[in-house]
């Protein structure tokens, strides 16, 4: 699976977890998550390339305990990036 496809999947997971996603040019300093106004926000730095954007998204998902509830719904590649190990079927 290509980086851009993983980025798209990770965004979908974040949206399922209730994150509002904003894409902004942050000058390459990176994005991240925060909570304000009773909502979860995830900022993606458009000055970064897809690999860096993916890593920022994955870092946010790793820190959110609710992500574990989606283990069976993510691709094996995204599960690997999240550090999850699935039991053999």
PDB file of N, CA and C in Angstrom:
ATOM      1  N   UNK A   1       0.850  -1.175   0.000  1.00  0.00           N
ATOM      2  CA  UNK A   1       0.000   0.000   0.000  1.00  0.00           C
ATOM      3  C   UNK A   1       0.898   1.242   0.000  1.00  0.00           C
ATOM      4  N   UNK A   2       0.582   2.187  -0.836  1.00  0.00           N
ATOM      5  CA  UNK A   2       1.378   3.404  -0.974  1.00  0.00           C
ATOM      6  C   UNK A   2       1.128   4.373   0.191  1.00  0.00           C
ATOM      7  N   UNK A   3       2.078   5.263   0.419  1.00  0.00           N
ATOM      8  CA  UNK A   3       1.984   6.228   1.506  1.00  0.00           C
ATOM      9  C   UNK A   3       0.725   7.075   1.411  1.00  0.00           C
ATOM     10  N   UNK A   4       0.385   7.525   0.208  1.00  0.00           N
ATOM     11  CA  UNK A   4      -0.793   8.379   0.040  1.00  0.00           C
ATOM     12  C   UNK A   4      -2.067   7.603   0.399  1.00  0.00           C
ATOM     13  N   UNK A   5      -2.124   6.331   0.051  1.00  0.00           N
ATOM     14  CA  UNK A   5      -3.282   5.511   0.409  1.00  0.00           C
ATOM     15  C   UNK A   5      -3.371   5.329   1.921  1.00  0.00           C
ATOM     16  N   UNK A   6      -2.234   5.110   2.571  1.00  0.00           N
ATOM     17  CA  UNK A   6      -2.215   4.991   4.034  1.00  0.00           C
ATOM     18  C   UNK A   6      -2.622   6.301   4.692  1.00  0.00           C
ATOM     19  N   UNK A   7      -2.178   7.411   4.126  1.00  0.00           N
ATOM     20  CA  UNK A   7      -2.547   8.726   4.643  1.00  0.00           C
ATOM     21  C   UNK A   7      -4.058   8.904   4.577  1.00  0.00           C
ATOM     22  N   UNK A   8      -4.646   8.529   3.447  1.00  0.00           N
ATOM     23  CA  UNK A   8      -6.092   8.635   3.281  1.00  0.00           C
ATOM     24  C   UNK A   8      -6.818   7.751   4.306  1.00  0.00           C
ATOM     25  N   UNK A   9      -6.352   6.526   4.484  1.00  0.00           N
ATOM     26  CA  UNK A   9      -6.977   5.618   5.448  1.00  0.00           C
ATOM     27  C   UNK A   9      -6.857   6.162   6.868  1.00  0.00           C
ATOM     28  N   UNK A  10      -5.682   6.674   7.222  1.00  0.00           N
ATOM     29  CA  UNK A  10      -5.479   7.227   8.559  1.00  0.00           C
ATOM     30  C   UNK A  10      -6.398   8.424   8.799  1.00  0.00           C
ATOM     31  N   UNK A  11      -6.596   9.249   7.774  1.00  0.00           N
ATOM     32  CA  UNK A  11      -7.533  10.378   7.894  1.00  0.00           C
ATOM     33  C   UNK A  11      -8.948   9.886   8.160  1.00  0.00           C
ATOM     34  N   UNK A  12      -9.349   8.823   7.465  1.00  0.00           N
ATOM     35  CA  UNK A  12     -10.688   8.266   7.676  1.00  0.00           C
ATOM     36  C   UNK A  12     -10.846   7.751   9.107  1.00  0.00           C
ATOM     37  N   UNK A  13      -9.824   7.105   9.622  1.00  0.00           N
ATOM     38  CA  UNK A  13      -9.863   6.608  10.999  1.00  0.00           C
ATOM     39  C   UNK A  13      -9.997   7.786  11.963  1.00  0.00           C
ATOM     40  N   UNK A  14      -9.210   8.829  11.749  1.00  0.00           N
ATOM     41  CA  UNK A  14      -9.278  10.006  12.613  1.00  0.00           C
ATOM     42  C   UNK A  14     -10.675  10.627  12.579  1.00  0.00           C
ATOM     43  N   UNK A  15     -11.260  10.701  11.405  1.00  0.00           N
ATOM     44  CA  UNK A  15     -12.608  11.258  11.292  1.00  0.00           C
ATOM     45  C   UNK A  15     -13.623  10.375  12.024  1.00  0.00           C
ATOM     46  N   UNK A  16     -13.468   9.052  11.942  1.00  0.00           N
ATOM     47  CA  UNK A  16     -14.366   8.143  12.674  1.00  0.00           C
ATOM     48  C   UNK A  16     -14.239   8.338  14.178  1.00  0.00           C
ATOM     49  N   UNK A  17     -13.055   8.747  14.607  1.00  0.00           N
ATOM     50  CA  UNK A  17     -12.834   8.991  16.039  1.00  0.00           C
ATOM     51  C   UNK A  17     -13.286  10.390  16.468  1.00  0.00           C
ATOM     52  N   UNK A  18     -13.816  11.149  15.526  1.00  0.00           N
ATOM     53  CA  UNK A  18     -14.380  12.451  15.877  1.00  0.00           C
ATOM     54  C   UNK A  18     -13.471  13.641  15.679  1.00  0.00           C
ATOM     55  N   UNK A  19     -12.324  13.457  15.028  1.00  0.00           N
ATOM     56  CA  UNK A  19     -11.426  14.581  14.769  1.00  0.00           C
ATOM     57  C   UNK A  19     -11.947  15.437  13.620  1.00  0.00           C
ATOM     58  N   UNK A  20     -11.883  16.726  13.802  1.00  0.00           N
ATOM     59  CA  UNK A  20     -12.104  17.680  12.724  1.00  0.00           C
ATOM     60  C   UNK A  20     -10.727  17.915  12.108  1.00  0.00           C
ATOM     61  N   UNK A  21     -10.585  17.705  10.824  1.00  0.00           N
ATOM     62  CA  UNK A  21      -9.268  17.797  10.186  1.00  0.00           C
ATOM     63  C   UNK A  21      -9.146  19.115   9.449  1.00  0.00           C
ATOM     64  N   UNK A  22      -8.031  19.809   9.739  1.00  0.00           N
ATOM     65  CA  UNK A  22      -7.716  21.059   9.051  1.00  0.00           C
ATOM     66  C   UNK A  22      -6.383  20.898   8.353  1.00  0.00           C
ATOM     67  N   UNK A  23      -6.339  21.290   7.097  1.00  0.00           N
ATOM     68  CA  UNK A  23      -5.089  21.295   6.346  1.00  0.00           C
ATOM     69  C   UNK A  23      -4.623  22.743   6.253  1.00  0.00           C
ATOM     70  N   UNK A  24      -3.434  23.000   6.758  1.00  0.00           N
ATOM     71  CA  UNK A  24      -2.881  24.348   6.786  1.00  0.00           C
ATOM     72  C   UNK A  24      -1.409  24.290   6.392  1.00  0.00           C
ATOM     73  N   UNK A  25      -0.927  25.362   5.800  1.00  0.00           N
ATOM     74  CA  UNK A  25       0.506  25.476   5.563  1.00  0.00           C
ATOM     75  C   UNK A  25       1.123  26.006   6.848  1.00  0.00           C
ATOM     76  N   UNK A  26       1.796  25.127   7.569  1.00  0.00           N
ATOM     77  CA  UNK A  26       2.401  25.472   8.853  1.00  0.00           C
ATOM     78  C   UNK A  26       3.912  25.639   8.729  1.00  0.00           C
ATOM     79  N   UNK A  27       4.378  25.810   7.514  1.00  0.00           N
ATOM     80  CA  UNK A  27       5.791  26.077   7.286  1.00  0.00           C
ATOM     81  C   UNK A  27       6.709  24.900   7.538  1.00  0.00           C
ATOM     82  N   UNK A  28       6.162  23.699   7.545  1.00  0.00           N
ATOM     83  CA  UNK A  28       7.005  22.522   7.726  1.00  0.00           C
ATOM     84  C   UNK A  28       7.292  22.163   9.162  1.00  0.00           C
ATOM     85  N   UNK A  29       6.681  22.859  10.118  1.00  0.00           N
ATOM     86  CA  UNK A  29       6.935  22.552  11.529  1.00  0.00           C
ATOM     87  C   UNK A  29       6.134  21.356  12.012  1.00  0.00           C
ATOM     88  N   UNK A  30       5.187  20.910  11.203  1.00  0.00           N
ATOM     89  CA  UNK A  30       4.412  19.720  11.548  1.00  0.00           C
ATOM     90  C   UNK A  30       3.053  20.064  12.103  1.00  0.00           C
ATOM     91  N   UNK A  31       2.188  19.115  12.003  1.00  0.00           N
ATOM     92  CA  UNK A  31       0.839  19.277  12.524  1.00  0.00           C
ATOM     93  C   UNK A  31       0.703  18.537  13.837  1.00  0.00           C
ATOM     94  N   UNK A  32      -0.524  18.275  14.179  1.00  0.00           N
ATOM     95  CA  UNK A  32      -0.783  17.547  15.406  1.00  0.00           C
ATOM     96  C   UNK A  32      -2.210  17.753  15.849  1.00  0.00           C
ATOM     97  N   UNK A  33      -2.510  17.218  17.007  1.00  0.00           N
ATOM     98  CA  UNK A  33      -3.879  17.254  17.511  1.00  0.00           C
ATOM     99  C   UNK A  33      -3.978  18.145  18.739  1.00  0.00           C
ATOM    100  N   UNK A  34      -5.168  18.669  18.918  1.00  0.00           N
ATOM    101  CA  UNK A  34      -5.489  19.413  20.119  1.00  0.00           C
ATOM    102  C   UNK A  34      -6.998  19.350  20.313  1.00  0.00           C
ATOM    103  N   UNK A  35      -7.441  19.810  21.452  1.00  0.00           N
ATOM    104  CA  UNK A  35      -8.868  19.840  21.728  1.00  0.00           C
ATOM    105  C   UNK A  35      -9.220  21.228  22.231  1.00  0.00           C
ATOM    106  N   UNK A  36     -10.212  21.825  21.593  1.00  0.00           N
ATOM    107  CA  UNK A  36     -10.749  23.097  22.076  1.00  0.00           C
ATOM    108  C   UNK A  36     -12.181  23.233  21.607  1.00  0.00           C
ATOM    109  N   UNK A  37     -12.934  24.002  22.343  1.00  0.00           N
ATOM    110  CA  UNK A  37     -14.339  24.168  22.008  1.00  0.00           C
ATOM    111  C   UNK A  37     -15.120  22.868  22.080  1.00  0.00           C
ATOM    112  N   UNK A  38     -14.644  21.929  22.892  1.00  0.00           N
ATOM    113  CA  UNK A  38     -15.321  20.652  23.023  1.00  0.00           C
ATOM    114  C   UNK A  38     -15.160  19.737  21.821  1.00  0.00           C
ATOM    115  N   UNK A  39     -14.229  20.065  20.936  1.00  0.00           N
ATOM    116  CA  UNK A  39     -14.006  19.249  19.738  1.00  0.00           C
ATOM    117  C   UNK A  39     -12.538  18.850  19.640  1.00  0.00           C
ATOM    118  N   UNK A  40     -12.308  17.708  18.987  1.00  0.00           N
ATOM    119  CA  UNK A  40     -10.944  17.251  18.727  1.00  0.00           C
ATOM    120  C   UNK A  40     -10.549  17.742  17.336  1.00  0.00           C
ATOM    121  N   UNK A  41      -9.393  18.364  17.262  1.00  0.00           N
ATOM    122  CA  UNK A  41      -8.883  18.913  15.997  1.00  0.00           C
ATOM    123  C   UNK A  41      -7.569  18.237  15.651  1.00  0.00           C
ATOM    124  N   UNK A  42      -7.374  18.049  14.361  1.00  0.00           N
ATOM    125  CA  UNK A  42      -6.129  17.483  13.857  1.00  0.00           C
ATOM    126  C   UNK A  42      -5.652  18.372  12.721  1.00  0.00           C
ATOM    127  N   UNK A  43      -4.485  18.957  12.898  1.00  0.00           N
ATOM    128  CA  UNK A  43      -3.914  19.848  11.894  1.00  0.00           C
ATOM    129  C   UNK A  43      -2.871  19.087  11.083  1.00  0.00           C
ATOM    130  N   UNK A  44      -2.995  19.183   9.765  1.00  0.00           N
ATOM    131  CA  UNK A  44      -2.054  18.565   8.841  1.00  0.00           C
ATOM    132  C   UNK A  44      -1.286  19.681   8.156  1.00  0.00           C
ATOM    133  N   UNK A  45       0.037  19.613   8.241  1.00  0.00           N
ATOM    134  CA  UNK A  45       0.911  20.637   7.659  1.00  0.00           C
ATOM    135  C   UNK A  45       1.111  20.355   6.169  1.00  0.00           C
ATOM    136  N   UNK A  46       0.530  21.197   5.336  1.00  0.00           N
ATOM    137  CA  UNK A  46       0.646  21.016   3.885  1.00  0.00           C
ATOM    138  C   UNK A  46       2.058  21.273   3.360  1.00  0.00           C
ATOM    139  N   UNK A  47       2.908  21.900   4.167  1.00  0.00           N
ATOM    140  CA  UNK A  47       4.291  22.129   3.742  1.00  0.00           C
ATOM    141  C   UNK A  47       5.121  20.850   3.864  1.00  0.00           C
ATOM    142  N   UNK A  48       4.584  19.839   4.518  1.00  0.00           N
ATOM    143  CA  UNK A  48       5.273  18.568   4.641  1.00  0.00           C
ATOM    144  C   UNK A  48       4.790  17.620   3.547  1.00  0.00           C
ATOM    145  N   UNK A  49       5.595  16.626   3.266  1.00  0.00           N
ATOM    146  CA  UNK A  49       5.223  15.617   2.282  1.00  0.00           C
ATOM    147  C   UNK A  49       4.349  14.541   2.914  1.00  0.00           C
ATOM    148  N   UNK A  50       3.782  13.676   2.086  1.00  0.00           N
ATOM    149  CA  UNK A  50       2.920  12.608   2.597  1.00  0.00           C
ATOM    150  C   UNK A  50       3.547  11.736   3.698  1.00  0.00           C
ATOM    151  N   UNK A  51       4.834  11.356   3.609  1.00  0.00           N
ATOM    152  CA  UNK A  51       5.381  10.522   4.695  1.00  0.00           C
ATOM    153  C   UNK A  51       5.348  11.232   6.057  1.00  0.00           C
ATOM    154  N   UNK A  52       5.675  12.511   6.072  1.00  0.00           N
ATOM    155  CA  UNK A  52       5.667  13.265   7.323  1.00  0.00           C
ATOM    156  C   UNK A  52       4.238  13.494   7.813  1.00  0.00           C
ATOM    157  N   UNK A  53       3.328  13.756   6.886  1.00  0.00           N
ATOM    158  CA  UNK A  53       1.925  13.924   7.259  1.00  0.00           C
ATOM    159  C   UNK A  53       1.378  12.626   7.853  1.00  0.00           C
ATOM    160  N   UNK A  54       1.728  11.496   7.235  1.00  0.00           N
ATOM    161  CA  UNK A  54       1.287  10.199   7.739  1.00  0.00           C
ATOM    162  C   UNK A  54       1.817   9.964   9.144  1.00  0.00           C
ATOM    163  N   UNK A  55       3.080  10.266   9.371  1.00  0.00           N
ATOM    164  CA  UNK A  55       3.661  10.045  10.694  1.00  0.00           C
ATOM    165  C   UNK A  55       2.969  10.897  11.750  1.00  0.00           C
ATOM    166  N   UNK A  56       2.631  12.140  11.423  1.00  0.00           N
ATOM    167  CA  UNK A  56       1.915  12.997  12.375  1.00  0.00           C
ATOM    168  C   UNK A  56       0.529  12.424  12.682  1.00  0.00           C
ATOM    169  N   UNK A  57      -0.152  11.952  11.650  1.00  0.00           N
ATOM    170  CA  UNK A  57      -1.476  11.353  11.845  1.00  0.00           C
ATOM    171  C   UNK A  57      -1.383  10.090  12.693  1.00  0.00           C
ATOM    172  N   UNK A  58      -0.435   9.233  12.373  1.00  0.00           N
ATOM    173  CA  UNK A  58      -0.265   7.985  13.111  1.00  0.00           C
ATOM    174  C   UNK A  58       0.092   8.272  14.572  1.00  0.00           C
ATOM    175  N   UNK A  59       0.913   9.269  14.827  1.00  0.00           N
ATOM    176  CA  UNK A  59       1.274   9.621  16.201  1.00  0.00           C
ATOM    177  C   UNK A  59       0.028  10.019  16.992  1.00  0.00           C
ATOM    178  N   UNK A  60      -0.847  10.775  16.358  1.00  0.00           N
ATOM    179  CA  UNK A  60      -2.092  11.178  17.018  1.00  0.00           C
ATOM    180  C   UNK A  60      -2.966   9.961  17.294  1.00  0.00           C
ATOM    181  N   UNK A  61      -3.091   9.086  16.308  1.00  0.00           N
ATOM    182  CA  UNK A  61      -3.922   7.900  16.488  1.00  0.00           C
ATOM    183  C   UNK A  61      -3.369   6.983  17.567  1.00  0.00           C
ATOM    184  N   UNK A  62      -2.050   6.868  17.646  1.00  0.00           N
ATOM    185  CA  UNK A  62      -1.420   6.032  18.678  1.00  0.00           C
ATOM    186  C   UNK A  62      -1.758   6.534  20.076  1.00  0.00           C
ATOM    187  N   UNK A  63      -1.844   7.846  20.229  1.00  0.00           N
ATOM    188  CA  UNK A  63      -2.076   8.442  21.550  1.00  0.00           C
ATOM    189  C   UNK A  63      -3.546   8.418  21.965  1.00  0.00           C
ATOM    190  N   UNK A  64      -4.444   8.190  21.031  1.00  0.00           N
ATOM    191  CA  UNK A  64      -5.869   8.194  21.342  1.00  0.00           C
ATOM    192  C   UNK A  64      -6.303   6.786  21.725  1.00  0.00           C
ATOM    193  N   UNK A  65      -6.735   6.573  22.973  1.00  0.00           N
ATOM    194  CA  UNK A  65      -7.119   5.231  23.407  1.00  0.00           C
ATOM    195  C   UNK A  65      -8.273   4.635  22.590  1.00  0.00           C
ATOM    196  N   UNK A  66      -9.113   5.462  22.012  1.00  0.00           N
ATOM    197  CA  UNK A  66     -10.261   4.975  21.240  1.00  0.00           C
ATOM    198  C   UNK A  66      -9.830   4.294  19.942  1.00  0.00           C
ATOM    199  N   UNK A  67      -8.615   4.550  19.483  1.00  0.00           N
ATOM    200  CA  UNK A  67      -8.137   3.950  18.238  1.00  0.00           C
ATOM    201  C   UNK A  67      -8.137   2.428  18.318  1.00  0.00           C
ATOM    202  N   UNK A  68      -7.839   1.892  19.485  1.00  0.00           N
ATOM    203  CA  UNK A  68      -7.770   0.435  19.649  1.00  0.00           C
ATOM    204  C   UNK A  68      -9.096  -0.235  19.323  1.00  0.00           C
ATOM    205  N   UNK A  69     -10.197   0.475  19.456  1.00  0.00           N
ATOM    206  CA  UNK A  69     -11.504  -0.113  19.165  1.00  0.00           C
ATOM    207  C   UNK A  69     -11.686  -0.378  17.670  1.00  0.00           C
ATOM    208  N   UNK A  70     -10.798   0.169  16.850  1.00  0.00           N
ATOM    209  CA  UNK A  70     -10.901   0.017  15.401  1.00  0.00           C
ATOM    210  C   UNK A  70      -9.908  -0.987  14.835  1.00  0.00           C
ATOM    211  N   UNK A  71      -9.280  -1.764  15.687  1.00  0.00           N
ATOM    212  CA  UNK A  71      -8.235  -2.708  15.261  1.00  0.00           C
ATOM    213  C   UNK A  71      -8.667  -3.565  14.079  1.00  0.00           C
ATOM    214  N   UNK A  72      -9.840  -4.111  14.126  1.00  0.00           N
ATOM    215  CA  UNK A  72     -10.286  -5.017  13.063  1.00  0.00           C
ATOM    216  C   UNK A  72     -10.727  -4.285  11.802  1.00  0.00           C
ATOM    217  N   UNK A  73     -10.781  -2.953  11.848  1.00  0.00           N
ATOM    218  CA  UNK A  73     -11.287  -2.189  10.713  1.00  0.00           C
ATOM    219  C   UNK A  73     -10.195  -1.517   9.890  1.00  0.00           C
ATOM    220  N   UNK A  74      -8.945  -1.651  10.301  1.00  0.00           N
ATOM    221  CA  UNK A  74      -7.864  -1.000   9.558  1.00  0.00           C
ATOM    222  C   UNK A  74      -7.064  -2.036   8.776  1.00  0.00           C
ATOM    223  N   UNK A  75      -6.407  -1.567   7.734  1.00  0.00           N
ATOM    224  CA  UNK A  75      -5.581  -2.460   6.921  1.00  0.00           C
ATOM    225  C   UNK A  75      -4.387  -2.967   7.733  1.00  0.00           C
ATOM    226  N   UNK A  76      -3.842  -4.111   7.342  1.00  0.00           N
ATOM    227  CA  UNK A  76      -2.644  -4.607   8.026  1.00  0.00           C
ATOM    228  C   UNK A  76      -1.490  -3.599   7.975  1.00  0.00           C
ATOM    229  N   UNK A  77      -1.381  -2.853   6.883  1.00  0.00           N
ATOM    230  CA  UNK A  77      -0.297  -1.878   6.753  1.00  0.00           C
ATOM    231  C   UNK A  77      -0.463  -0.741   7.769  1.00  0.00           C
ATOM    232  N   UNK A  78      -1.684  -0.237   7.916  1.00  0.00           N
ATOM    233  CA  UNK A  78      -1.892   0.830   8.896  1.00  0.00           C
ATOM    234  C   UNK A  78      -1.726   0.287  10.311  1.00  0.00           C
ATOM    235  N   UNK A  79      -2.197  -0.924  10.547  1.00  0.00           N
ATOM    236  CA  UNK A  79      -2.011  -1.544  11.863  1.00  0.00           C
ATOM    237  C   UNK A  79      -0.521  -1.622  12.193  1.00  0.00           C
ATOM    238  N   UNK A  80       0.288  -1.973  11.201  1.00  0.00           N
ATOM    239  CA  UNK A  80       1.743  -2.042  11.416  1.00  0.00           C
ATOM    240  C   UNK A  80       2.299  -0.672  11.806  1.00  0.00           C
ATOM    241  N   UNK A  81       1.870   0.383  11.094  1.00  0.00           N
ATOM    242  CA  UNK A  81       2.334   1.738  11.412  1.00  0.00           C
ATOM    243  C   UNK A  81       1.906   2.156  12.819  1.00  0.00           C
ATOM    244  N   UNK A  82       0.753   1.663  13.247  1.00  0.00           N
ATOM    245  CA  UNK A  82       0.259   1.986  14.585  1.00  0.00           C
ATOM    246  C   UNK A  82       0.959   1.166  15.667  1.00  0.00           C
ATOM    247  N   UNK A  83       1.737   0.180  15.242  1.00  0.00           N
ATOM    248  CA  UNK A  83       2.451  -0.657  16.196  1.00  0.00           C
ATOM    249  C   UNK A  83       1.624  -1.811  16.721  1.00  0.00           C
ATOM    250  N   UNK A  84       0.530  -2.127  16.040  1.00  0.00           N
ATOM    251  CA  UNK A  84      -0.335  -3.223  16.459  1.00  0.00           C
ATOM    252  C   UNK A  84       0.154  -4.513  15.828  1.00  0.00           C
ATOM    253  N   UNK A  85       0.078  -5.563  16.589  1.00  0.00           N
ATOM    254  CA  UNK A  85       0.393  -6.889  16.071  1.00  0.00           C
ATOM    255  C   UNK A  85      -0.877  -7.716  16.166  1.00  0.00           C
ATOM    256  N   UNK A  86      -1.322  -8.214  15.052  1.00  0.00           N
ATOM    257  CA  UNK A  86      -2.525  -9.038  15.043  1.00  0.00           C
ATOM    258  C   UNK A  86      -2.161 -10.490  15.259  1.00  0.00           C
ATOM    259  N   UNK A  87      -3.034 -11.183  15.976  1.00  0.00           N
ATOM    260  CA  UNK A  87      -2.829 -12.628  16.166  1.00  0.00           C
ATOM    261  C   UNK A  87      -3.113 -13.334  14.849  1.00  0.00           C
ATOM    262  N   UNK A  88      -2.417 -14.420  14.600  1.00  0.00           N
ATOM    263  CA  UNK A  88      -2.646 -15.210  13.385  1.00  0.00           C
ATOM    264  C   UNK A  88      -4.029 -15.830  13.446  1.00  0.00           C
ATOM    265  N   UNK A  89      -4.691 -15.866  12.310  1.00  0.00           N
ATOM    266  CA  UNK A  89      -6.070 -16.396  12.268  1.00  0.00           C
ATOM    267  C   UNK A  89      -6.087 -17.905  12.329  1.00  0.00           C
TER     268      UNK A  89
END
